[in-house]
Amino acid sequence: MSSGFGLVVRFELHDERAAAGFDELVARTIPAIREREADTLAYVVHSVPDEPNVRVFYELYADRAAFDAHEQQPHTRHFLAEREQYLSGLQVTFLQVETGKGLVSE
């Protein structure tokens, strides 16, 4: 697999109230990603069963240019600005697709 650009983002949220606000922000953002970003192949939000104030995003884009385009979208810029009020920590791991089964073809 020669194409595909991904990342995993771990969001640590201040408390339960912050988690609820963050989840609401995510719920308002996801529809625009679905409707306007054909090259965003996967954008999956996970909760962590034993860590109620943690969310983990898995994002997969057709290529780096698709990720860069995602970052410039008005809904993404709004999300990036608004999320700060809820966060106590953030960890981003960038990924390069090597092989596998899924949304990115060989």
PDB file of N, CA and C in Angstrom:
ATOM      1  N   MET A   1       0.845  -1.173   0.000  1.00  0.00           N
ATOM      2  CA  MET A   1       0.000   0.000   0.000  1.00  0.00           C
ATOM      3  C   MET A   1       0.884   1.228   0.000  1.00  0.00           C
ATOM      4  N   SER A   2       0.787   1.988  -1.019  1.00  0.00           N
ATOM      5  CA  SER A   2       1.675   3.142  -1.117  1.00  0.00           C
ATOM      6  C   SER A   2       0.993   4.445  -0.750  1.00  0.00           C
ATOM      7  N   SER A   3      -0.320   4.448  -0.616  1.00  0.00           N
ATOM      8  CA  SER A   3      -0.990   5.686  -0.261  1.00  0.00           C
ATOM      9  C   SER A   3      -1.675   5.527   1.081  1.00  0.00           C
ATOM     10  N   GLY A   4      -2.078   6.629   1.613  1.00  0.00           N
ATOM     11  CA  GLY A   4      -2.739   6.630   2.901  1.00  0.00           C
ATOM     12  C   GLY A   4      -1.894   7.348   3.925  1.00  0.00           C
ATOM     13  N   PHE A   5      -2.544   8.185   4.678  1.00  0.00           N
ATOM     14  CA  PHE A   5      -1.883   8.950   5.724  1.00  0.00           C
ATOM     15  C   PHE A   5      -2.822   8.959   6.912  1.00  0.00           C
ATOM     16  N   GLY A   6      -2.329   8.578   8.059  1.00  0.00           N
ATOM     17  CA  GLY A   6      -3.211   8.484   9.211  1.00  0.00           C
ATOM     18  C   GLY A   6      -2.619   9.059  10.472  1.00  0.00           C
ATOM     19  N   LEU A   7      -3.459   9.141  11.471  1.00  0.00           N
ATOM     20  CA  LEU A   7      -3.014   9.550  12.787  1.00  0.00           C
ATOM     21  C   LEU A   7      -3.948   9.008  13.844  1.00  0.00           C
ATOM     22  N   VAL A   8      -3.407   8.887  15.029  1.00  0.00           N
ATOM     23  CA  VAL A   8      -4.155   8.534  16.223  1.00  0.00           C
ATOM     24  C   VAL A   8      -3.966   9.695  17.177  1.00  0.00           C
ATOM     25  N   VAL A   9      -5.075  10.202  17.716  1.00  0.00           N
ATOM     26  CA  VAL A   9      -5.012  11.330  18.638  1.00  0.00           C
ATOM     27  C   VAL A   9      -5.683  10.913  19.937  1.00  0.00           C
ATOM     28  N   ARG A  10      -4.964  11.077  21.034  1.00  0.00           N
ATOM     29  CA  ARG A  10      -5.504  10.792  22.369  1.00  0.00           C
ATOM     30  C   ARG A  10      -5.781  12.119  23.056  1.00  0.00           C
ATOM     31  N   PHE A  11      -7.042  12.328  23.382  1.00  0.00           N
ATOM     32  CA  PHE A  11      -7.478  13.534  24.077  1.00  0.00           C
ATOM     33  C   PHE A  11      -7.760  13.177  25.533  1.00  0.00           C
ATOM     34  N   GLU A  12      -7.112  13.868  26.442  1.00  0.00           N
ATOM     35  CA  GLU A  12      -7.415  13.727  27.860  1.00  0.00           C
ATOM     36  C   GLU A  12      -8.204  14.963  28.267  1.00  0.00           C
ATOM     37  N   LEU A  13      -9.375  14.734  28.866  1.00  0.00           N
ATOM     38  CA  LEU A  13     -10.313  15.805  29.167  1.00  0.00           C
ATOM     39  C   LEU A  13     -10.311  16.099  30.670  1.00  0.00           C
ATOM     40  N   HIS A  14     -10.566  17.351  31.016  1.00  0.00           N
ATOM     41  CA  HIS A  14     -10.470  17.791  32.409  1.00  0.00           C
ATOM     42  C   HIS A  14     -11.285  16.936  33.373  1.00  0.00           C
ATOM     43  N   ASP A  15     -12.539  16.699  33.039  1.00  0.00           N
ATOM     44  CA  ASP A  15     -13.456  16.015  33.951  1.00  0.00           C
ATOM     45  C   ASP A  15     -14.685  15.582  33.162  1.00  0.00           C
ATOM     46  N   GLU A  16     -15.688  15.057  33.847  1.00  0.00           N
ATOM     47  CA  GLU A  16     -16.886  14.572  33.159  1.00  0.00           C
ATOM     48  C   GLU A  16     -17.619  15.688  32.424  1.00  0.00           C
ATOM     49  N   ARG A  17     -17.656  16.859  33.010  1.00  0.00           N
ATOM     50  CA  ARG A  17     -18.322  17.988  32.353  1.00  0.00           C
ATOM     51  C   ARG A  17     -17.593  18.362  31.058  1.00  0.00           C
ATOM     52  N   ALA A  18     -16.270  18.380  31.112  1.00  0.00           N
ATOM     53  CA  ALA A  18     -15.478  18.666  29.917  1.00  0.00           C
ATOM     54  C   ALA A  18     -15.683  17.572  28.868  1.00  0.00           C
ATOM     55  N   ALA A  19     -15.764  16.326  29.312  1.00  0.00           N
ATOM     56  CA  ALA A  19     -15.996  15.220  28.370  1.00  0.00           C
ATOM     57  C   ALA A  19     -17.335  15.395  27.657  1.00  0.00           C
ATOM     58  N   ALA A  20     -18.344  15.805  28.381  1.00  0.00           N
ATOM     59  CA  ALA A  20     -19.663  16.022  27.778  1.00  0.00           C
ATOM     60  C   ALA A  20     -19.612  17.164  26.759  1.00  0.00           C
ATOM     61  N   GLY A  21     -18.937  18.253  27.096  1.00  0.00           N
ATOM     62  CA  GLY A  21     -18.800  19.370  26.158  1.00  0.00           C
ATOM     63  C   GLY A  21     -18.002  18.986  24.932  1.00  0.00           C
ATOM     64  N   PHE A  22     -16.932  18.226  25.132  1.00  0.00           N
ATOM     65  CA  PHE A  22     -16.109  17.762  24.021  1.00  0.00           C
ATOM     66  C   PHE A  22     -16.932  16.856  23.105  1.00  0.00           C
ATOM     67  N   ASP A  23     -17.694  15.942  23.699  1.00  0.00           N
ATOM     68  CA  ASP A  23     -18.523  15.036  22.901  1.00  0.00           C
ATOM     69  C   ASP A  23     -19.553  15.809  22.078  1.00  0.00           C
ATOM     70  N   GLU A  24     -20.092  16.862  22.638  1.00  0.00           N
ATOM     71  CA  GLU A  24     -21.046  17.695  21.902  1.00  0.00           C
ATOM     72  C   GLU A  24     -20.354  18.398  20.730  1.00  0.00           C
ATOM     73  N   LEU A  25     -19.164  18.910  20.962  1.00  0.00           N
ATOM     74  CA  LEU A  25     -18.390  19.542  19.892  1.00  0.00           C
ATOM     75  C   LEU A  25     -18.113  18.541  18.769  1.00  0.00           C
ATOM     76  N   VAL A  26     -17.728  17.342  19.127  1.00  0.00           N
ATOM     77  CA  VAL A  26     -17.478  16.291  18.132  1.00  0.00           C
ATOM     78  C   VAL A  26     -18.750  16.002  17.343  1.00  0.00           C
ATOM     79  N   ALA A  27     -19.877  15.891  18.036  1.00  0.00           N
ATOM     80  CA  ALA A  27     -21.145  15.587  17.369  1.00  0.00           C
ATOM     81  C   ALA A  27     -21.531  16.665  16.364  1.00  0.00           C
ATOM     82  N   ARG A  28     -21.157  17.899  16.636  1.00  0.00           N
ATOM     83  CA  ARG A  28     -21.454  18.984  15.686  1.00  0.00           C
ATOM     84  C   ARG A  28     -20.470  18.999  14.515  1.00  0.00           C
ATOM     85  N   THR A  29     -19.297  18.446  14.690  1.00  0.00           N
ATOM     86  CA  THR A  29     -18.245  18.481  13.672  1.00  0.00           C
ATOM     87  C   THR A  29     -18.336  17.324  12.676  1.00  0.00           C
ATOM     88  N   ILE A  30     -18.669  16.153  13.150  1.00  0.00           N
ATOM     89  CA  ILE A  30     -18.653  14.942  12.322  1.00  0.00           C
ATOM     90  C   ILE A  30     -19.516  15.053  11.064  1.00  0.00           C
ATOM     91  N   PRO A  31     -20.735  15.598  11.115  1.00  0.00           N
ATOM     92  CA  PRO A  31     -21.531  15.656   9.884  1.00  0.00           C
ATOM     93  C   PRO A  31     -20.836  16.397   8.741  1.00  0.00           C
ATOM     94  N   ALA A  32     -20.142  17.477   9.029  1.00  0.00           N
ATOM     95  CA  ALA A  32     -19.443  18.213   7.971  1.00  0.00           C
ATOM     96  C   ALA A  32     -18.296  17.387   7.390  1.00  0.00           C
ATOM     97  N   ILE A  33     -17.620  16.627   8.229  1.00  0.00           N
ATOM     98  CA  ILE A  33     -16.550  15.752   7.723  1.00  0.00           C
ATOM     99  C   ILE A  33     -17.144  14.708   6.788  1.00  0.00           C
ATOM    100  N   ARG A  34     -18.257  14.112   7.193  1.00  0.00           N
ATOM    101  CA  ARG A  34     -18.925  13.103   6.345  1.00  0.00           C
ATOM    102  C   ARG A  34     -19.357  13.686   5.005  1.00  0.00           C
ATOM    103  N   GLU A  35     -19.926  14.874   5.031  1.00  0.00           N
ATOM    104  CA  GLU A  35     -20.521  15.470   3.833  1.00  0.00           C
ATOM    105  C   GLU A  35     -19.521  16.128   2.891  1.00  0.00           C
ATOM    106  N   ARG A  36     -18.434  16.666   3.420  1.00  0.00           N
ATOM    107  CA  ARG A  36     -17.569  17.539   2.618  1.00  0.00           C
ATOM    108  C   ARG A  36     -16.168  17.007   2.359  1.00  0.00           C
ATOM    109  N   GLU A  37     -15.824  15.856   2.922  1.00  0.00           N
ATOM    110  CA  GLU A  37     -14.427  15.408   2.820  1.00  0.00           C
ATOM    111  C   GLU A  37     -14.342  14.001   2.230  1.00  0.00           C
ATOM    112  N   ALA A  38     -14.413  13.916   0.918  1.00  0.00           N
ATOM    113  CA  ALA A  38     -14.369  12.614   0.243  1.00  0.00           C
ATOM    114  C   ALA A  38     -13.055  11.876   0.484  1.00  0.00           C
ATOM    115  N   ASP A  39     -11.956  12.601   0.656  1.00  0.00           N
ATOM    116  CA  ASP A  39     -10.656  11.963   0.841  1.00  0.00           C
ATOM    117  C   ASP A  39     -10.316  11.688   2.299  1.00  0.00           C
ATOM    118  N   THR A  40     -11.262  11.955   3.199  1.00  0.00           N
ATOM    119  CA  THR A  40     -11.140  11.491   4.582  1.00  0.00           C
ATOM    120  C   THR A  40     -11.783  10.114   4.594  1.00  0.00           C
ATOM    121  N   LEU A  41     -10.949   9.098   4.633  1.00  0.00           N
ATOM    122  CA  LEU A  41     -11.418   7.723   4.466  1.00  0.00           C
ATOM    123  C   LEU A  41     -11.998   7.141   5.750  1.00  0.00           C
ATOM    124  N   ALA A  42     -11.460   7.546   6.882  1.00  0.00           N
ATOM    125  CA  ALA A  42     -11.974   7.095   8.184  1.00  0.00           C
ATOM    126  C   ALA A  42     -11.721   8.202   9.195  1.00  0.00           C
ATOM    127  N   TYR A  43     -12.712   8.452  10.016  1.00  0.00           N
ATOM    128  CA  TYR A  43     -12.594   9.437  11.095  1.00  0.00           C
ATOM    129  C   TYR A  43     -13.452   8.866  12.219  1.00  0.00           C
ATOM    130  N   VAL A  44     -12.816   8.103  13.078  1.00  0.00           N
ATOM    131  CA  VAL A  44     -13.521   7.303  14.065  1.00  0.00           C
ATOM    132  C   VAL A  44     -13.153   7.787  15.463  1.00  0.00           C
ATOM    133  N   VAL A  45     -14.188   8.051  16.254  1.00  0.00           N
ATOM    134  CA  VAL A  45     -13.998   8.533  17.620  1.00  0.00           C
ATOM    135  C   VAL A  45     -14.285   7.376  18.576  1.00  0.00           C
ATOM    136  N   HIS A  46     -13.351   7.148  19.490  1.00  0.00           N
ATOM    137  CA  HIS A  46     -13.479   6.052  20.446  1.00  0.00           C
ATOM    138  C   HIS A  46     -13.510   6.605  21.866  1.00  0.00           C
ATOM    139  N   SER A  47     -14.285   5.961  22.723  1.00  0.00           N
ATOM    140  CA  SER A  47     -14.154   6.194  24.156  1.00  0.00           C
ATOM    141  C   SER A  47     -13.289   5.055  24.704  1.00  0.00           C
ATOM    142  N   VAL A  48     -12.801   5.228  25.910  1.00  0.00           N
ATOM    143  CA  VAL A  48     -11.949   4.220  26.540  1.00  0.00           C
ATOM    144  C   VAL A  48     -12.676   3.720  27.787  1.00  0.00           C
ATOM    145  N   PRO A  49     -13.090   2.452  27.818  1.00  0.00           N
ATOM    146  CA  PRO A  49     -13.952   1.959  28.893  1.00  0.00           C
ATOM    147  C   PRO A  49     -13.479   2.274  30.318  1.00  0.00           C
ATOM    148  N   ASP A  50     -12.217   2.137  30.596  1.00  0.00           N
ATOM    149  CA  ASP A  50     -11.727   2.368  31.962  1.00  0.00           C
ATOM    150  C   ASP A  50     -11.208   3.778  32.189  1.00  0.00           C
ATOM    151  N   GLU A  51     -11.337   4.637  31.181  1.00  0.00           N
ATOM    152  CA  GLU A  51     -10.875   6.023  31.290  1.00  0.00           C
ATOM    153  C   GLU A  51     -11.973   6.931  30.728  1.00  0.00           C
ATOM    154  N   PRO A  52     -12.971   7.269  31.536  1.00  0.00           N
ATOM    155  CA  PRO A  52     -14.132   8.003  31.023  1.00  0.00           C
ATOM    156  C   PRO A  52     -13.828   9.404  30.498  1.00  0.00           C
ATOM    157  N   ASN A  53     -12.682   9.956  30.837  1.00  0.00           N
ATOM    158  CA  ASN A  53     -12.331  11.302  30.383  1.00  0.00           C
ATOM    159  C   ASN A  53     -11.279  11.272  29.277  1.00  0.00           C
ATOM    160  N   VAL A  54     -11.253  10.172  28.537  1.00  0.00           N
ATOM    161  CA  VAL A  54     -10.326  10.029  27.412  1.00  0.00           C
ATOM    162  C   VAL A  54     -11.124   9.703  26.152  1.00  0.00           C
ATOM    163  N   ARG A  55     -10.727  10.333  25.063  1.00  0.00           N
ATOM    164  CA  ARG A  55     -11.257  10.003  23.744  1.00  0.00           C
ATOM    165  C   ARG A  55     -10.062   9.753  22.834  1.00  0.00           C
ATOM    166  N   VAL A  56     -10.188   8.786  21.947  1.00  0.00           N
ATOM    167  CA  VAL A  56      -9.134   8.461  20.988  1.00  0.00           C
ATOM    168  C   VAL A  56      -9.737   8.528  19.593  1.00  0.00           C
ATOM    169  N   PHE A  57      -9.107   9.314  18.737  1.00  0.00           N
ATOM    170  CA  PHE A  57      -9.534   9.424  17.344  1.00  0.00           C
ATOM    171  C   PHE A  57      -8.584   8.616  16.479  1.00  0.00           C
ATOM    172  N   TYR A  58      -9.150   7.896  15.513  1.00  0.00           N
ATOM    173  CA  TYR A  58      -8.365   7.281  14.457  1.00  0.00           C
ATOM    174  C   TYR A  58      -8.795   7.959  13.168  1.00  0.00           C
ATOM    175  N   GLU A  59      -7.826   8.513  12.467  1.00  0.00           N
ATOM    176  CA  GLU A  59      -8.119   9.241  11.233  1.00  0.00           C
ATOM    177  C   GLU A  59      -7.263   8.663  10.108  1.00  0.00           C
ATOM    178  N   LEU A  60      -7.889   8.428   8.971  1.00  0.00           N
ATOM    179  CA  LEU A  60      -7.186   7.927   7.799  1.00  0.00           C
ATOM    180  C   LEU A  60      -7.599   8.758   6.592  1.00  0.00           C
ATOM    181  N   TYR A  61      -6.606   9.252   5.893  1.00  0.00           N
ATOM    182  CA  TYR A  61      -6.815  10.119   4.725  1.00  0.00           C
ATOM    183  C   TYR A  61      -6.201   9.456   3.505  1.00  0.00           C
ATOM    184  N   ALA A  62      -6.685   9.821   2.336  1.00  0.00           N
ATOM    185  CA  ALA A  62      -6.165   9.251   1.090  1.00  0.00           C
ATOM    186  C   ALA A  62      -4.664   9.501   0.950  1.00  0.00           C
ATOM    187  N   ASP A  63      -4.214  10.663   1.410  1.00  0.00           N
ATOM    188  CA  ASP A  63      -2.800  11.022   1.361  1.00  0.00           C
ATOM    189  C   ASP A  63      -2.581  12.253   2.239  1.00  0.00           C
ATOM    190  N   ARG A  64      -1.363  12.722   2.302  1.00  0.00           N
ATOM    191  CA  ARG A  64      -1.041  13.876   3.145  1.00  0.00           C
ATOM    192  C   ARG A  64      -1.794  15.132   2.695  1.00  0.00           C
ATOM    193  N   ALA A  65      -1.970  15.282   1.393  1.00  0.00           N
ATOM    194  CA  ALA A  65      -2.706  16.442   0.884  1.00  0.00           C
ATOM    195  C   ALA A  65      -4.151  16.440   1.383  1.00  0.00           C
ATOM    196  N   ALA A  66      -4.756  15.276   1.494  1.00  0.00           N
ATOM    197  CA  ALA A  66      -6.129  15.180   2.006  1.00  0.00           C
ATOM    198  C   ALA A  66      -6.180  15.583   3.476  1.00  0.00           C
ATOM    199  N   PHE A  67      -5.180  15.188   4.239  1.00  0.00           N
ATOM    200  CA  PHE A  67      -5.106  15.611   5.643  1.00  0.00           C
ATOM    201  C   PHE A  67      -4.949  17.127   5.731  1.00  0.00           C
ATOM    202  N   ASP A  68      -4.061  17.676   4.919  1.00  0.00           N
ATOM    203  CA  ASP A  68      -3.850  19.131   4.922  1.00  0.00           C
ATOM    204  C   ASP A  68      -5.135  19.868   4.544  1.00  0.00           C
ATOM    205  N   ALA A  69      -5.879  19.334   3.588  1.00  0.00           N
ATOM    206  CA  ALA A  69      -7.157  19.943   3.206  1.00  0.00           C
ATOM    207  C   ALA A  69      -8.158  19.862   4.357  1.00  0.00           C
ATOM    208  N   HIS A  70      -8.186  18.741   5.050  1.00  0.00           N
ATOM    209  CA  HIS A  70      -9.054  18.571   6.224  1.00  0.00           C
ATOM    210  C   HIS A  70      -8.744  19.639   7.275  1.00  0.00           C
ATOM    211  N   GLU A  71      -7.481  19.864   7.529  1.00  0.00           N
ATOM    212  CA  GLU A  71      -7.060  20.835   8.546  1.00  0.00           C
ATOM    213  C   GLU A  71      -7.489  22.261   8.205  1.00  0.00           C
ATOM    214  N   GLN A  72      -7.706  22.549   6.930  1.00  0.00           N
ATOM    215  CA  GLN A  72      -8.086  23.906   6.509  1.00  0.00           C
ATOM    216  C   GLN A  72      -9.595  24.129   6.435  1.00  0.00           C
ATOM    217  N   GLN A  73     -10.376  23.085   6.590  1.00  0.00           N
ATOM    218  CA  GLN A  73     -11.836  23.210   6.519  1.00  0.00           C
ATOM    219  C   GLN A  73     -12.360  24.070   7.673  1.00  0.00           C
ATOM    220  N   PRO A  74     -13.371  24.895   7.433  1.00  0.00           N
ATOM    221  CA  PRO A  74     -13.918  25.737   8.511  1.00  0.00           C
ATOM    222  C   PRO A  74     -14.396  24.935   9.720  1.00  0.00           C
ATOM    223  N   HIS A  75     -15.021  23.786   9.499  1.00  0.00           N
ATOM    224  CA  HIS A  75     -15.496  22.979  10.628  1.00  0.00           C
ATOM    225  C   HIS A  75     -14.330  22.410  11.436  1.00  0.00           C
ATOM    226  N   THR A  76     -13.237  22.070  10.770  1.00  0.00           N
ATOM    227  CA  THR A  76     -12.066  21.559  11.491  1.00  0.00           C
ATOM    228  C   THR A  76     -11.387  22.678  12.260  1.00  0.00           C
ATOM    229  N   ARG A  77     -11.254  23.835  11.649  1.00  0.00           N
ATOM    230  CA  ARG A  77     -10.624  24.972  12.335  1.00  0.00           C
ATOM    231  C   ARG A  77     -11.428  25.365  13.574  1.00  0.00           C
ATOM    232  N   HIS A  78     -12.760  25.313  13.462  1.00  0.00           N
ATOM    233  CA  HIS A  78     -13.613  25.598  14.611  1.00  0.00           C
ATOM    234  C   HIS A  78     -13.384  24.554  15.716  1.00  0.00           C
ATOM    235  N   PHE A  79     -13.358  23.280  15.326  1.00  0.00           N
ATOM    236  CA  PHE A  79     -13.114  22.206  16.290  1.00  0.00           C
ATOM    237  C   PHE A  79     -11.776  22.397  17.001  1.00  0.00           C
ATOM    238  N   LEU A  80     -10.726  22.673  16.246  1.00  0.00           N
ATOM    239  CA  LEU A  80      -9.396  22.834  16.825  1.00  0.00           C
ATOM    240  C   LEU A  80      -9.350  23.986  17.822  1.00  0.00           C
ATOM    241  N   ALA A  81     -10.033  25.074  17.525  1.00  0.00           N
ATOM    242  CA  ALA A  81     -10.056  26.222  18.435  1.00  0.00           C
ATOM    243  C   ALA A  81     -10.885  25.933  19.680  1.00  0.00           C
ATOM    244  N   GLU A  82     -12.028  25.320  19.513  1.00  0.00           N
ATOM    245  CA  GLU A  82     -12.950  25.098  20.632  1.00  0.00           C
ATOM    246  C   GLU A  82     -12.516  23.969  21.565  1.00  0.00           C
ATOM    247  N   ARG A  83     -11.805  22.997  21.067  1.00  0.00           N
ATOM    248  CA  ARG A  83     -11.448  21.835  21.884  1.00  0.00           C
ATOM    249  C   ARG A  83     -10.555  22.190  23.060  1.00  0.00           C
ATOM    250  N   GLU A  84      -9.776  23.251  22.923  1.00  0.00           N
ATOM    251  CA  GLU A  84      -8.784  23.597  23.943  1.00  0.00           C
ATOM    252  C   GLU A  84      -9.380  23.763  25.326  1.00  0.00           C
ATOM    253  N   GLN A  85     -10.594  24.278  25.422  1.00  0.00           N
ATOM    254  CA  GLN A  85     -11.209  24.520  26.720  1.00  0.00           C
ATOM    255  C   GLN A  85     -11.495  23.227  27.486  1.00  0.00           C
ATOM    256  N   TYR A  86     -11.538  22.107  26.804  1.00  0.00           N
ATOM    257  CA  TYR A  86     -11.877  20.828  27.423  1.00  0.00           C
ATOM    258  C   TYR A  86     -10.658  19.967  27.763  1.00  0.00           C
ATOM    259  N   LEU A  87      -9.504  20.296  27.207  1.00  0.00           N
ATOM    260  CA  LEU A  87      -8.346  19.398  27.256  1.00  0.00           C
ATOM    261  C   LEU A  87      -7.432  19.623  28.462  1.00  0.00           C
ATOM    262  N   SER A  88      -6.991  18.508  29.009  1.00  0.00           N
ATOM    263  CA  SER A  88      -5.908  18.555  29.986  1.00  0.00           C
ATOM    264  C   SER A  88      -4.647  17.923  29.396  1.00  0.00           C
ATOM    265  N   GLY A  89      -4.805  17.206  28.283  1.00  0.00           N
ATOM    266  CA  GLY A  89      -3.664  16.596  27.616  1.00  0.00           C
ATOM    267  C   GLY A  89      -4.018  16.178  26.204  1.00  0.00           C
ATOM    268  N   LEU A  90      -2.993  16.073  25.373  1.00  0.00           N
ATOM    269  CA  LEU A  90      -3.176  15.731  23.967  1.00  0.00           C
ATOM    270  C   LEU A  90      -1.925  15.014  23.486  1.00  0.00           C
ATOM    271  N   GLN A  91      -2.129  13.900  22.804  1.00  0.00           N
ATOM    272  CA  GLN A  91      -1.007  13.167  22.211  1.00  0.00           C
ATOM    273  C   GLN A  91      -1.384  12.786  20.787  1.00  0.00           C
ATOM    274  N   VAL A  92      -0.533  13.149  19.823  1.00  0.00           N
ATOM    275  CA  VAL A  92      -0.776  12.862  18.420  1.00  0.00           C
ATOM    276  C   VAL A  92       0.332  11.943  17.908  1.00  0.00           C
ATOM    277  N   THR A  93      -0.073  10.862  17.250  1.00  0.00           N
ATOM    278  CA  THR A  93       0.872   9.952  16.610  1.00  0.00           C
ATOM    279  C   THR A  93       0.509   9.879  15.134  1.00  0.00           C
ATOM    280  N   PHE A  94       1.413  10.332  14.267  1.00  0.00           N
ATOM    281  CA  PHE A  94       1.190  10.255  12.822  1.00  0.00           C
ATOM    282  C   PHE A  94       1.569   8.866  12.333  1.00  0.00           C
ATOM    283  N   LEU A  95       0.829   8.368  11.338  1.00  0.00           N
ATOM    284  CA  LEU A  95       0.992   7.016  10.826  1.00  0.00           C
ATOM    285  C   LEU A  95       1.144   7.042   9.318  1.00  0.00           C
ATOM    286  N   GLN A  96       1.955   6.157   8.795  1.00  0.00           N
ATOM    287  CA  GLN A  96       2.077   5.960   7.357  1.00  0.00           C
ATOM    288  C   GLN A  96       1.613   4.548   7.043  1.00  0.00           C
ATOM    289  N   VAL A  97       0.647   4.400   6.161  1.00  0.00           N
ATOM    290  CA  VAL A  97       0.126   3.089   5.810  1.00  0.00           C
ATOM    291  C   VAL A  97       1.228   2.269   5.148  1.00  0.00           C
ATOM    292  N   GLU A  98       1.371   1.025   5.589  1.00  0.00           N
ATOM    293  CA  GLU A  98       2.341   0.110   5.006  1.00  0.00           C
ATOM    294  C   GLU A  98       1.641  -1.047   4.287  1.00  0.00           C
ATOM    295  N   THR A  99       0.760  -1.741   4.997  1.00  0.00           N
ATOM    296  CA  THR A  99       0.076  -2.888   4.413  1.00  0.00           C
ATOM    297  C   THR A  99      -1.164  -3.194   5.237  1.00  0.00           C
ATOM    298  N   GLY A 100      -2.044  -4.004   4.694  1.00  0.00           N
ATOM    299  CA  GLY A 100      -3.213  -4.406   5.454  1.00  0.00           C
ATOM    300  C   GLY A 100      -4.442  -4.606   4.593  1.00  0.00           C
ATOM    301  N   LYS A 101      -5.574  -4.590   5.240  1.00  0.00           N
ATOM    302  CA  LYS A 101      -6.870  -4.751   4.596  1.00  0.00           C
ATOM    303  C   LYS A 101      -7.723  -3.565   5.034  1.00  0.00           C
ATOM    304  N   GLY A 102      -8.409  -2.960   4.100  1.00  0.00           N
ATOM    305  CA  GLY A 102      -9.262  -1.859   4.515  1.00  0.00           C
ATOM    306  C   GLY A 102      -9.506  -0.860   3.421  1.00  0.00           C
ATOM    307  N   LEU A 103      -9.575   0.380   3.836  1.00  0.00           N
ATOM    308  CA  LEU A 103     -10.012   1.462   2.965  1.00  0.00           C
ATOM    309  C   LEU A 103      -8.980   1.949   1.965  1.00  0.00           C
ATOM    310  N   VAL A 104      -7.730   1.681   2.190  1.00  0.00           N
ATOM    311  CA  VAL A 104      -6.672   2.131   1.283  1.00  0.00           C
ATOM    312  C   VAL A 104      -6.277   0.953   0.404  1.00  0.00           C
ATOM    313  N   SER A 105      -6.275   1.170  -0.912  1.00  0.00           N
ATOM    314  CA  SER A 105      -5.963   0.075  -1.827  1.00  0.00           C
ATOM    315  C   SER A 105      -4.478   0.043  -2.170  1.00  0.00           C
ATOM    316  N   GLU A 106      -4.077  -1.097  -2.657  1.00  0.00           N
ATOM    317  CA  GLU A 106      -2.665  -1.276  -3.048  1.00  0.00           C
ATOM    318  C   GLU A 106      -2.386  -0.584  -4.347  1.00  0.00           C
TER     319      GLU A 106
END
